[in-house]
Amino acid sequence: MFPVGKTMEKRTLTPAEIGAVVRAVRKAQNLRQNQLAGAAGVGLRFVVDLEAGKATAQLGKKLQVLQALGCSLEIMRPPERTV
């Protein structure tokens, strides 16, 4: 699990790791799953599945949850290839 408030190194995260981060941040903010679901505009089942690391969770809804928690997601482009 990643410590809350720490910067993670840039790498590919698994669905389980994203779920663990969401759970840790939610708990650090003293939110119940249903409160987070309401704040993010998603269903309780989605938050439960996201925290459990379900791989099929929708990206758009994941972004809503991360935004509701005040988290951000950074996508890095690969370096350009020179031929």
C-alpha atoms as a PDB file:
ATOM      1  CA  MET A   1       0.000   0.000   0.000  1.00  0.00           C
ATOM      2  CA  PHE A   2       1.150   3.548  -0.657  1.00  0.00           C
ATOM      3  CA  PRO A   3       1.426   5.949   2.272  1.00  0.00           C
ATOM      4  CA  VAL A   4      -1.116   8.753   2.128  1.00  0.00           C
ATOM      5  CA  GLY A   5       0.499  12.098   1.399  1.00  0.00           C
ATOM      6  CA  LYS A   6       3.616  10.575  -0.137  1.00  0.00           C
ATOM      7  CA  THR A   7       4.521  10.978  -3.781  1.00  0.00           C
ATOM      8  CA  MET A   8       4.687   7.694  -5.625  1.00  0.00           C
ATOM      9  CA  GLU A   9       7.353   6.993  -8.168  1.00  0.00           C
ATOM     10  CA  LYS A  10       6.073   7.126 -11.721  1.00  0.00           C
ATOM     11  CA  ARG A  11       5.136   3.666 -12.892  1.00  0.00           C
ATOM     12  CA  THR A  12       2.156   1.639 -14.028  1.00  0.00           C
ATOM     13  CA  LEU A  13      -0.349   0.951 -11.268  1.00  0.00           C
ATOM     14  CA  THR A  14      -2.502  -2.153 -11.097  1.00  0.00           C
ATOM     15  CA  PRO A  15      -6.259  -1.913 -10.419  1.00  0.00           C
ATOM     16  CA  ALA A  16      -5.586  -3.366  -6.946  1.00  0.00           C
ATOM     17  CA  GLU A  17      -3.007  -0.653  -6.206  1.00  0.00           C
ATOM     18  CA  ILE A  18      -5.394   2.096  -7.345  1.00  0.00           C
ATOM     19  CA  GLY A  19      -8.072   0.598  -5.112  1.00  0.00           C
ATOM     20  CA  ALA A  20      -5.684   0.532  -2.159  1.00  0.00           C
ATOM     21  CA  VAL A  21      -4.832   4.210  -2.682  1.00  0.00           C
ATOM     22  CA  VAL A  22      -8.518   5.144  -2.896  1.00  0.00           C
ATOM     23  CA  ARG A  23      -9.278   3.182   0.290  1.00  0.00           C
ATOM     24  CA  ALA A  24      -6.343   4.721   2.191  1.00  0.00           C
ATOM     25  CA  VAL A  25      -7.201   8.285   1.176  1.00  0.00           C
ATOM     26  CA  ARG A  26     -10.914   7.748   1.905  1.00  0.00           C
ATOM     27  CA  LYS A  27     -10.137   6.431   5.381  1.00  0.00           C
ATOM     28  CA  ALA A  28      -7.634   9.237   6.032  1.00  0.00           C
ATOM     29  CA  GLN A  29     -10.452  11.680   5.239  1.00  0.00           C
ATOM     30  CA  ASN A  30     -12.800   9.818   7.615  1.00  0.00           C
ATOM     31  CA  LEU A  31     -15.272   9.046   4.851  1.00  0.00           C
ATOM     32  CA  ARG A  32     -17.473   5.980   4.623  1.00  0.00           C
ATOM     33  CA  GLN A  33     -17.778   4.309   1.240  1.00  0.00           C
ATOM     34  CA  ASN A  34     -21.345   5.543   0.787  1.00  0.00           C
ATOM     35  CA  GLN A  35     -20.258   9.117   1.559  1.00  0.00           C
ATOM     36  CA  LEU A  36     -17.515   8.932  -1.056  1.00  0.00           C
ATOM     37  CA  ALA A  37     -19.947   7.463  -3.573  1.00  0.00           C
ATOM     38  CA  GLY A  38     -22.352  10.367  -2.999  1.00  0.00           C
ATOM     39  CA  ALA A  39     -19.601  12.992  -3.231  1.00  0.00           C
ATOM     40  CA  ALA A  40     -18.287  11.459  -6.457  1.00  0.00           C
ATOM     41  CA  GLY A  41     -21.697  10.893  -8.046  1.00  0.00           C
ATOM     42  CA  VAL A  42     -21.205   7.141  -8.378  1.00  0.00           C
ATOM     43  CA  GLY A  43     -22.919   4.160  -6.798  1.00  0.00           C
ATOM     44  CA  LEU A  44     -21.810   2.465  -3.595  1.00  0.00           C
ATOM     45  CA  ARG A  45     -21.186  -0.801  -5.496  1.00  0.00           C
ATOM     46  CA  PHE A  46     -18.727   1.049  -7.766  1.00  0.00           C
ATOM     47  CA  VAL A  47     -16.692   2.303  -4.792  1.00  0.00           C
ATOM     48  CA  VAL A  48     -16.692  -1.169  -3.233  1.00  0.00           C
ATOM     49  CA  ASP A  49     -15.511  -2.734  -6.504  1.00  0.00           C
ATOM     50  CA  LEU A  50     -12.906   0.000  -7.079  1.00  0.00           C
ATOM     51  CA  GLU A  51     -11.400  -0.471  -3.621  1.00  0.00           C
ATOM     52  CA  ALA A  52     -11.388  -4.236  -4.168  1.00  0.00           C
ATOM     53  CA  GLY A  53      -9.282  -3.753  -7.305  1.00  0.00           C
ATOM     54  CA  LYS A  54     -11.882  -4.858  -9.823  1.00  0.00           C
ATOM     55  CA  ALA A  55     -10.201  -4.480 -13.201  1.00  0.00           C
ATOM     56  CA  THR A  56     -13.374  -3.688 -15.142  1.00  0.00           C
ATOM     57  CA  ALA A  57     -14.229  -0.502 -13.223  1.00  0.00           C
ATOM     58  CA  GLN A  58     -14.934   2.357 -15.655  1.00  0.00           C
ATOM     59  CA  LEU A  59     -12.149   4.904 -16.077  1.00  0.00           C
ATOM     60  CA  GLY A  60     -14.520   7.883 -16.122  1.00  0.00           C
ATOM     61  CA  LYS A  61     -16.009   6.888 -12.784  1.00  0.00           C
ATOM     62  CA  LYS A  62     -12.545   6.200 -11.348  1.00  0.00           C
ATOM     63  CA  LEU A  63     -11.579   9.749 -12.278  1.00  0.00           C
ATOM     64  CA  GLN A  64     -14.728  11.088 -10.570  1.00  0.00           C
ATOM     65  CA  VAL A  65     -13.810   9.258  -7.352  1.00  0.00           C
ATOM     66  CA  LEU A  66     -10.200  10.441  -7.470  1.00  0.00           C
ATOM     67  CA  GLN A  67     -11.357  14.029  -8.016  1.00  0.00           C
ATOM     68  CA  ALA A  68     -13.818  13.798  -5.100  1.00  0.00           C
ATOM     69  CA  LEU A  69     -10.911  12.717  -2.878  1.00  0.00           C
ATOM     70  CA  GLY A  70      -8.692  15.538  -4.140  1.00  0.00           C
ATOM     71  CA  CYS A  71      -6.333  13.103  -5.882  1.00  0.00           C
ATOM     72  CA  SER A  72      -4.934  13.506  -9.350  1.00  0.00           C
ATOM     73  CA  LEU A  73      -3.784  11.131 -12.021  1.00  0.00           C
ATOM     74  CA  GLU A  74      -0.846  11.849 -14.289  1.00  0.00           C
ATOM     75  CA  ILE A  75      -0.341  10.202 -17.650  1.00  0.00           C
ATOM     76  CA  MET A  76       3.098  10.373 -19.160  1.00  0.00           C
ATOM     77  CA  ARG A  77       3.736  10.063 -22.884  1.00  0.00           C
ATOM     78  CA  PRO A  78       6.526   7.706 -23.847  1.00  0.00           C
ATOM     79  CA  PRO A  79       9.658   9.405 -25.156  1.00  0.00           C
ATOM     80  CA  GLU A  80       9.623  10.023 -28.885  1.00  0.00           C
ATOM     81  CA  ARG A  81      11.525   7.469 -30.877  1.00  0.00           C
ATOM     82  CA  THR A  82      14.272   8.570 -33.164  1.00  0.00           C
ATOM     83  CA  VAL A  83      14.785   6.341 -36.149  1.00  0.00           C
END
